[in-house]
Amino acid sequence: MKGAVCVVCVSLMTLTAQAQQPAPGAPRPSQPPPPTQKSGNPTPGTPQPDPPNVADRIAVTGCLQLVRGAGPAPASAATVPASDRFVLNDVRKDGKVSPDTGTSAAAAASSATSYRLEALESQLSPLLNTRVELSGGVKPPVNGSPVLLVEFVRKIAPTCP
């Protein structure tokens, strides 16, 4: 009896396997296309920034404030970095940077006491009027003040001295 049950089970498995394979010459069902490498921007319509140039990178501390007369944030402030909203005053250069950083002419010559900050509103607005440590790339001056493209921000004191 056990032998007959085994023969029946093996026969059913063989028939099932044969039934799942298409007949020779029959069209094969379409397979989903292989996954493609994803590319592009995470936010549609937002251009990707150039990779940071390590030689332009500096670290500074200072008092984070709104630019005088900045007014309310524009609707684009959530997705587009702007350099006309925030300024870092009473700046001190921080010596805690990796080797080869701050070696470009723009970064080395940058000894300003004030920087315009290019960043998203959400990066900086929670830290307004506090002492912060920032690091990022130095860009050419706007209205006389050098611009720092903010890549990292950390609160170091709850108020400005």
C-alpha atoms as a PDB file:
ATOM      1  CA  MET A   1       0.000   0.000   0.000  1.00  0.00           C
ATOM      2  CA  LYS A   2       2.795   2.411   0.897  1.00  0.00           C
ATOM      3  CA  GLY A   3       4.489   1.633  -2.410  1.00  0.00           C
ATOM      4  CA  ALA A   4       1.323   2.444  -4.368  1.00  0.00           C
ATOM      5  CA  VAL A   5       0.931   5.789  -2.571  1.00  0.00           C
ATOM      6  CA  CYS A   6       4.558   6.691  -3.363  1.00  0.00           C
ATOM      7  CA  VAL A   7       4.094   5.821  -7.045  1.00  0.00           C
ATOM      8  CA  VAL A   8       0.942   7.960  -7.217  1.00  0.00           C
ATOM      9  CA  CYS A   9       2.683  10.930  -5.539  1.00  0.00           C
ATOM     10  CA  VAL A  10       5.700  10.730  -7.858  1.00  0.00           C
ATOM     11  CA  SER A  11       3.397  10.470 -10.885  1.00  0.00           C
ATOM     12  CA  LEU A  12       1.405  13.531  -9.836  1.00  0.00           C
ATOM     13  CA  MET A  13       4.568  15.563  -9.259  1.00  0.00           C
ATOM     14  CA  THR A  14       5.899  14.614 -12.688  1.00  0.00           C
ATOM     15  CA  LEU A  15       2.623  15.527 -14.405  1.00  0.00           C
ATOM     16  CA  THR A  16       2.463  18.852 -12.568  1.00  0.00           C
ATOM     17  CA  ALA A  17       6.017  19.749 -13.565  1.00  0.00           C
ATOM     18  CA  GLN A  18       5.352  18.860 -17.220  1.00  0.00           C
ATOM     19  CA  ALA A  19       2.117  20.858 -17.269  1.00  0.00           C
ATOM     20  CA  GLN A  20       3.914  23.999 -16.070  1.00  0.00           C
ATOM     21  CA  GLN A  21       6.420  23.963 -18.943  1.00  0.00           C
ATOM     22  CA  PRO A  22       5.245  25.403 -22.283  1.00  0.00           C
ATOM     23  CA  ALA A  23       4.966  23.090 -25.233  1.00  0.00           C
ATOM     24  CA  PRO A  24       7.897  23.212 -27.680  1.00  0.00           C
ATOM     25  CA  GLY A  25       7.389  26.067 -30.155  1.00  0.00           C
ATOM     26  CA  ALA A  26       4.649  27.694 -28.036  1.00  0.00           C
ATOM     27  CA  PRO A  27       5.086  31.405 -27.300  1.00  0.00           C
ATOM     28  CA  ARG A  28       6.526  32.104 -23.884  1.00  0.00           C
ATOM     29  CA  PRO A  29       4.608  34.335 -21.529  1.00  0.00           C
ATOM     30  CA  SER A  30       6.125  37.810 -21.345  1.00  0.00           C
ATOM     31  CA  GLN A  31       8.544  38.315 -18.499  1.00  0.00           C
ATOM     32  CA  PRO A  32       8.796  41.634 -16.671  1.00  0.00           C
ATOM     33  CA  PRO A  33      11.752  43.658 -17.906  1.00  0.00           C
ATOM     34  CA  PRO A  34      14.909  43.434 -15.815  1.00  0.00           C
ATOM     35  CA  PRO A  35      15.265  46.232 -13.276  1.00  0.00           C
ATOM     36  CA  THR A  36      17.112  49.229 -14.621  1.00  0.00           C
ATOM     37  CA  GLN A  37      19.603  51.288 -12.713  1.00  0.00           C
ATOM     38  CA  LYS A  38      17.796  54.215 -11.157  1.00  0.00           C
ATOM     39  CA  SER A  39      19.140  57.618 -11.977  1.00  0.00           C
ATOM     40  CA  GLY A  40      17.950  61.156 -11.706  1.00  0.00           C
ATOM     41  CA  ASN A  41      16.860  63.403  -8.925  1.00  0.00           C
ATOM     42  CA  PRO A  42      15.070  62.315  -5.777  1.00  0.00           C
ATOM     43  CA  THR A  43      12.768  65.345  -6.080  1.00  0.00           C
ATOM     44  CA  PRO A  44      11.353  65.937  -9.575  1.00  0.00           C
ATOM     45  CA  GLY A  45      12.211  69.346 -10.937  1.00  0.00           C
ATOM     46  CA  THR A  46      15.090  69.941  -8.511  1.00  0.00           C
ATOM     47  CA  PRO A  47      18.548  70.008 -10.092  1.00  0.00           C
ATOM     48  CA  GLN A  48      21.221  67.912  -8.452  1.00  0.00           C
ATOM     49  CA  PRO A  49      24.087  69.937  -7.017  1.00  0.00           C
ATOM     50  CA  ASP A  50      27.632  69.366  -8.120  1.00  0.00           C
ATOM     51  CA  PRO A  51      29.608  67.114  -5.795  1.00  0.00           C
ATOM     52  CA  PRO A  52      31.412  69.112  -3.122  1.00  0.00           C
ATOM     53  CA  ASN A  53      34.984  70.168  -3.757  1.00  0.00           C
ATOM     54  CA  VAL A  54      36.924  69.139  -0.657  1.00  0.00           C
ATOM     55  CA  ALA A  55      39.481  71.890  -1.229  1.00  0.00           C
ATOM     56  CA  ASP A  56      36.713  74.531  -0.871  1.00  0.00           C
ATOM     57  CA  ARG A  57      35.409  73.057   2.384  1.00  0.00           C
ATOM     58  CA  ILE A  58      35.795  74.902   5.694  1.00  0.00           C
ATOM     59  CA  ALA A  59      34.373  74.608   9.194  1.00  0.00           C
ATOM     60  CA  VAL A  60      33.341  77.697  11.152  1.00  0.00           C
ATOM     61  CA  THR A  61      31.401  78.650  14.253  1.00  0.00           C
ATOM     62  CA  GLY A  62      29.277  81.742  14.709  1.00  0.00           C
ATOM     63  CA  CYS A  63      25.908  83.267  15.493  1.00  0.00           C
ATOM     64  CA  LEU A  64      23.120  82.237  13.097  1.00  0.00           C
ATOM     65  CA  GLN A  65      20.830  85.150  12.239  1.00  0.00           C
ATOM     66  CA  LEU A  66      18.343  86.219   9.590  1.00  0.00           C
ATOM     67  CA  VAL A  67      19.555  88.646   6.964  1.00  0.00           C
ATOM     68  CA  ARG A  68      18.271  92.136   7.759  1.00  0.00           C
ATOM     69  CA  GLY A  69      14.947  92.668   5.931  1.00  0.00           C
ATOM     70  CA  ALA A  70      14.655  88.992   4.888  1.00  0.00           C
ATOM     71  CA  GLY A  71      10.900  88.816   5.510  1.00  0.00           C
ATOM     72  CA  PRO A  72       8.908  85.575   5.441  1.00  0.00           C
ATOM     73  CA  ALA A  73      10.314  82.512   3.704  1.00  0.00           C
ATOM     74  CA  PRO A  74       9.229  82.068   0.070  1.00  0.00           C
ATOM     75  CA  ALA A  75       7.223  78.993  -0.968  1.00  0.00           C
ATOM     76  CA  SER A  76      10.318  77.521  -2.653  1.00  0.00           C
ATOM     77  CA  ALA A  77      12.337  77.607   0.603  1.00  0.00           C
ATOM     78  CA  ALA A  78      11.470  73.980   1.392  1.00  0.00           C
ATOM     79  CA  THR A  79      13.109  72.610  -1.762  1.00  0.00           C
ATOM     80  CA  VAL A  80      15.487  75.256  -3.115  1.00  0.00           C
ATOM     81  CA  PRO A  81      18.580  76.375  -1.181  1.00  0.00           C
ATOM     82  CA  ALA A  82      18.849  80.156  -0.969  1.00  0.00           C
ATOM     83  CA  SER A  83      21.661  82.498   0.064  1.00  0.00           C
ATOM     84  CA  ASP A  84      19.510  85.533   0.852  1.00  0.00           C
ATOM     85  CA  ARG A  85      17.895  84.428   4.131  1.00  0.00           C
ATOM     86  CA  PHE A  86      20.582  83.592   6.707  1.00  0.00           C
ATOM     87  CA  VAL A  87      23.925  84.981   7.790  1.00  0.00           C
ATOM     88  CA  LEU A  88      26.567  83.706  10.188  1.00  0.00           C
ATOM     89  CA  ASN A  89      28.084  86.526  12.264  1.00  0.00           C
ATOM     90  CA  ASP A  90      31.019  86.638  14.705  1.00  0.00           C
ATOM     91  CA  VAL A  91      32.678  83.837  12.752  1.00  0.00           C
ATOM     92  CA  ARG A  92      35.662  81.855  13.973  1.00  0.00           C
ATOM     93  CA  LYS A  93      37.346  79.275  11.792  1.00  0.00           C
ATOM     94  CA  ASP A  94      37.340  75.789  13.231  1.00  0.00           C
ATOM     95  CA  GLY A  95      40.552  73.791  13.031  1.00  0.00           C
ATOM     96  CA  LYS A  96      38.706  70.442  13.121  1.00  0.00           C
ATOM     97  CA  VAL A  97      38.776  69.607   9.403  1.00  0.00           C
ATOM     98  CA  SER A  98      40.128  66.679   7.426  1.00  0.00           C
ATOM     99  CA  PRO A  99      43.458  66.912   5.618  1.00  0.00           C
ATOM    100  CA  ASP A 100      43.321  68.611   2.196  1.00  0.00           C
ATOM    101  CA  THR A 101      40.214  70.618   3.128  1.00  0.00           C
ATOM    102  CA  GLY A 102      40.254  74.364   2.898  1.00  0.00           C
ATOM    103  CA  THR A 103      43.237  74.383   0.545  1.00  0.00           C
ATOM    104  CA  SER A 104      41.616  76.179  -2.409  1.00  0.00           C
ATOM    105  CA  ALA A 105      42.317  79.869  -2.928  1.00  0.00           C
ATOM    106  CA  ALA A 106      38.704  80.759  -1.997  1.00  0.00           C
ATOM    107  CA  ALA A 107      38.801  78.788   1.265  1.00  0.00           C
ATOM    108  CA  ALA A 108      42.323  79.796   2.258  1.00  0.00           C
ATOM    109  CA  ALA A 109      41.637  83.489   1.639  1.00  0.00           C
ATOM    110  CA  SER A 110      38.354  83.287   3.483  1.00  0.00           C
ATOM    111  CA  SER A 111      38.931  84.999   6.801  1.00  0.00           C
ATOM    112  CA  ALA A 112      35.612  86.805   6.937  1.00  0.00           C
ATOM    113  CA  THR A 113      33.808  87.576  10.172  1.00  0.00           C
ATOM    114  CA  SER A 114      30.451  87.118   8.418  1.00  0.00           C
ATOM    115  CA  TYR A 115      29.144  84.636   5.812  1.00  0.00           C
ATOM    116  CA  ARG A 116      25.960  84.463   3.801  1.00  0.00           C
ATOM    117  CA  LEU A 117      24.605  80.923   4.158  1.00  0.00           C
ATOM    118  CA  GLU A 118      23.181  78.933   1.268  1.00  0.00           C
ATOM    119  CA  ALA A 119      20.891  76.265   2.690  1.00  0.00           C
ATOM    120  CA  LEU A 120      17.342  75.002   2.892  1.00  0.00           C
ATOM    121  CA  GLU A 121      15.070  76.893   5.262  1.00  0.00           C
ATOM    122  CA  SER A 122      14.462  73.724   7.299  1.00  0.00           C
ATOM    123  CA  GLN A 123      18.200  73.273   7.931  1.00  0.00           C
ATOM    124  CA  LEU A 124      18.703  76.615   9.614  1.00  0.00           C
ATOM    125  CA  SER A 125      15.421  78.139  10.828  1.00  0.00           C
ATOM    126  CA  PRO A 126      15.171  75.904  13.956  1.00  0.00           C
ATOM    127  CA  LEU A 127      18.622  77.161  15.027  1.00  0.00           C
ATOM    128  CA  LEU A 128      17.998  80.882  14.550  1.00  0.00           C
ATOM    129  CA  ASN A 129      19.797  83.132  17.093  1.00  0.00           C
ATOM    130  CA  THR A 130      21.941  80.309  18.468  1.00  0.00           C
ATOM    131  CA  ARG A 131      25.663  79.650  18.216  1.00  0.00           C
ATOM    132  CA  VAL A 132      26.303  76.954  15.600  1.00  0.00           C
ATOM    133  CA  GLU A 133      29.109  75.052  13.970  1.00  0.00           C
ATOM    134  CA  LEU A 134      28.825  74.855  10.182  1.00  0.00           C
ATOM    135  CA  SER A 135      30.862  73.197   7.503  1.00  0.00           C
ATOM    136  CA  GLY A 136      30.556  73.417   3.769  1.00  0.00           C
ATOM    137  CA  GLY A 137      32.045  74.810   0.606  1.00  0.00           C
ATOM    138  CA  VAL A 138      33.027  78.437   0.112  1.00  0.00           C
ATOM    139  CA  LYS A 139      31.478  80.153  -2.903  1.00  0.00           C
ATOM    140  CA  PRO A 140      32.207  83.565  -4.453  1.00  0.00           C
ATOM    141  CA  PRO A 141      30.996  86.624  -2.498  1.00  0.00           C
ATOM    142  CA  VAL A 142      27.457  88.014  -2.827  1.00  0.00           C
ATOM    143  CA  ASN A 143      27.007  91.679  -1.813  1.00  0.00           C
ATOM    144  CA  GLY A 144      30.519  91.699  -0.312  1.00  0.00           C
ATOM    145  CA  SER A 145      30.084  88.668   1.974  1.00  0.00           C
ATOM    146  CA  PRO A 146      31.450  85.241   1.048  1.00  0.00           C
ATOM    147  CA  VAL A 147      28.825  82.503   0.712  1.00  0.00           C
ATOM    148  CA  LEU A 148      29.056  79.208   2.573  1.00  0.00           C
ATOM    149  CA  LEU A 149      27.132  76.320   1.020  1.00  0.00           C
ATOM    150  CA  VAL A 150      25.986  74.576   4.221  1.00  0.00           C
ATOM    151  CA  GLU A 151      26.542  70.824   4.254  1.00  0.00           C
ATOM    152  CA  PHE A 152      26.570  70.244   8.029  1.00  0.00           C
ATOM    153  CA  VAL A 153      25.145  72.223  10.932  1.00  0.00           C
ATOM    154  CA  ARG A 154      25.270  71.609  14.682  1.00  0.00           C
ATOM    155  CA  LYS A 155      24.055  73.750  17.568  1.00  0.00           C
ATOM    156  CA  ILE A 156      26.812  74.412  20.076  1.00  0.00           C
ATOM    157  CA  ALA A 157      25.184  77.011  22.380  1.00  0.00           C
ATOM    158  CA  PRO A 158      21.547  78.020  22.976  1.00  0.00           C
ATOM    159  CA  THR A 159      22.232  81.755  22.580  1.00  0.00           C
ATOM    160  CA  CYS A 160      24.687  84.045  20.889  1.00  0.00           C
ATOM    161  CA  PRO A 161      27.163  85.860  23.143  1.00  0.00           C
END
